[in-house]
Amino acid sequence: MDLKNLFSERLKNARQNKGLTQEKLSKITGINQKVISKYEQGVILPGADNLQKLIISLEITADYLLLPQATMSEVPRIKYPELYDRYLVIETLGDKERDTVLYLLNLIIAGQKFKELAGSLEGKR
């Protein structure tokens, strides 16, 4: 398999494993969606800057995209890509704001667990 075909196949696979559309990947990376489409069709290969954006955004290695013998460790599928978008924003927040977000998430999760526990206790009556 030549480099363009290997790259295009693996890029598409990595994007789909992340649960991202080409449009979402375009928004995350800042790479035009039509350019991403050309990468996935094997028409063109990215330059170093775009390659770096892709591997960081998809959490993969350049080896996986460029070397036939490289493998990709399991990339979890994102069920709700909008949560991933929020995650990227949260990563850019300062420590105090990030701690506040985590505190609020923990409150929501604790509330849900409490409702589940109360419901299971109610069912035992």
Protein backbone atom coordinates (compact mmCIF):
# COMPACT_ATOMS: atom_id res chain seq x y z
CA MET A 1 0.00 0.00 0.00
CA ASP A 2 1.44 3.40 -0.95
CA LEU A 3 1.79 6.24 1.56
CA LYS A 4 -1.22 8.25 0.35
CA ASN A 5 -3.53 5.25 0.57
CA LEU A 6 -2.18 4.20 3.97
CA PHE A 7 -2.49 7.73 5.32
CA SER A 8 -5.99 8.28 3.93
CA GLU A 9 -7.33 4.98 5.24
CA ARG A 10 -5.86 5.43 8.71
CA LEU A 11 -6.88 9.08 9.01
CA LYS A 12 -10.49 8.21 8.19
CA ASN A 13 -10.41 5.28 10.61
CA ALA A 14 -9.00 7.41 13.45
CA ARG A 15 -11.57 10.16 12.83
CA GLN A 16 -14.47 7.70 12.81
CA ASN A 17 -13.17 5.97 15.94
CA LYS A 18 -13.35 9.35 17.67
CA GLY A 19 -16.94 9.71 16.51
CA LEU A 20 -16.11 12.84 14.53
CA THR A 21 -17.37 14.01 11.17
CA GLN A 22 -15.01 15.71 8.76
CA GLU A 23 -16.77 18.96 9.64
CA LYS A 24 -16.18 18.49 13.39
CA LEU A 25 -12.54 17.59 12.80
CA SER A 26 -12.24 20.70 10.65
CA LYS A 27 -13.56 22.87 13.49
CA ILE A 28 -11.23 21.26 16.03
CA THR A 29 -8.10 21.49 13.88
CA GLY A 30 -8.79 24.63 11.88
CA ILE A 31 -8.11 22.66 8.69
CA ASN A 32 -10.64 23.27 5.92
CA GLN A 33 -13.14 20.39 5.62
CA LYS A 34 -12.48 20.08 1.88
CA VAL A 35 -8.77 19.61 2.61
CA ILE A 36 -9.57 16.89 5.18
CA SER A 37 -11.73 15.21 2.54
CA LYS A 38 -8.80 15.28 0.08
CA TYR A 39 -6.55 13.72 2.74
CA GLU A 40 -9.09 10.94 3.29
CA GLN A 41 -9.46 10.36 -0.46
CA GLY A 42 -5.69 10.01 -0.82
CA VAL A 43 -5.51 12.99 -3.16
CA ILE A 44 -3.00 14.96 -1.08
CA LEU A 45 -0.87 14.56 2.04
CA PRO A 46 -0.70 17.20 4.79
CA GLY A 47 2.29 19.37 5.53
CA ALA A 48 3.97 19.19 8.92
CA ASP A 49 1.71 21.81 10.55
CA ASN A 50 -1.53 20.10 9.54
CA LEU A 51 -0.13 16.67 10.36
CA GLN A 52 0.61 17.90 13.87
CA LYS A 53 -2.92 19.32 14.25
CA LEU A 54 -4.43 16.01 13.14
CA ILE A 55 -2.39 13.77 15.43
CA ILE A 56 -2.99 16.01 18.45
CA SER A 57 -6.73 16.30 17.79
CA LEU A 58 -7.19 12.58 17.09
CA GLU A 59 -4.82 11.54 19.90
CA ILE A 60 -2.80 9.28 17.63
CA THR A 61 0.83 9.11 16.58
CA ALA A 62 2.37 10.15 13.29
CA ASP A 63 3.74 6.59 13.14
CA TYR A 64 0.20 5.22 12.94
CA LEU A 65 -0.63 7.47 9.99
CA LEU A 66 2.63 7.00 8.10
CA LEU A 67 4.14 3.58 8.85
CA PRO A 68 2.53 0.31 7.68
CA GLN A 69 3.81 -1.68 10.67
CA ALA A 70 2.48 0.80 13.27
CA THR A 71 -0.71 0.02 15.13
CA MET A 72 -3.24 2.21 16.86
CA SER A 73 -4.13 1.49 20.43
CA GLU A 74 -7.85 1.38 21.10
CA VAL A 75 -9.35 4.82 20.61
CA PRO A 76 -12.61 5.14 22.51
CA ARG A 77 -15.61 6.07 20.38
CA ILE A 78 -17.18 9.32 21.49
CA LYS A 79 -20.92 8.87 21.75
CA TYR A 80 -21.58 12.61 22.16
CA PRO A 81 -19.05 14.64 20.13
CA GLU A 82 -20.39 17.88 21.62
CA LEU A 83 -19.02 16.72 24.98
CA TYR A 84 -15.60 16.40 23.36
CA ASP A 85 -15.95 19.97 22.07
CA ARG A 86 -16.63 21.13 25.64
CA TYR A 87 -13.68 19.08 26.89
CA LEU A 88 -11.37 20.94 24.52
CA VAL A 89 -12.67 24.25 25.88
CA ILE A 90 -12.32 23.09 29.50
CA GLU A 91 -8.68 22.20 28.84
CA THR A 92 -7.99 25.83 28.00
CA LEU A 93 -9.51 27.21 31.22
CA GLY A 94 -7.49 28.36 34.18
CA ASP A 95 -7.14 26.13 37.25
CA LYS A 96 -9.92 27.87 39.20
CA GLU A 97 -12.44 27.69 36.35
CA ARG A 98 -11.53 24.07 35.60
CA ASP A 99 -11.98 23.18 39.30
CA THR A 100 -15.39 24.87 39.23
CA VAL A 101 -16.43 22.83 36.18
CA LEU A 102 -15.29 19.60 37.87
CA TYR A 103 -17.13 20.55 41.07
CA LEU A 104 -20.37 21.15 39.14
CA LEU A 105 -19.99 17.89 37.21
CA ASN A 106 -19.42 16.00 40.47
CA LEU A 107 -22.59 17.57 41.92
CA ILE A 108 -24.62 16.49 38.90
CA ILE A 109 -23.21 12.96 39.02
CA ALA A 110 -23.80 12.68 42.77
CA GLY A 111 -27.38 13.89 42.29
CA GLN A 112 -27.97 11.25 39.62
CA LYS A 113 -26.55 8.51 41.85
CA PHE A 114 -28.76 9.70 44.72
CA LYS A 115 -31.86 9.53 42.48
CA GLU A 116 -30.92 6.00 41.39
CA LEU A 117 -30.37 4.91 44.99
CA ALA A 118 -33.63 6.49 46.14
CA GLY A 119 -35.46 4.80 43.27
CA SER A 120 -34.04 1.38 44.15
CA LEU A 121 -34.97 1.85 47.82
CA GLU A 122 -38.48 2.95 46.81
CA GLY A 123 -38.88 -0.23 44.78
CA LYS A 124 -38.05 -2.39 47.83
CA ARG A 125 -41.01 -1.08 49.84
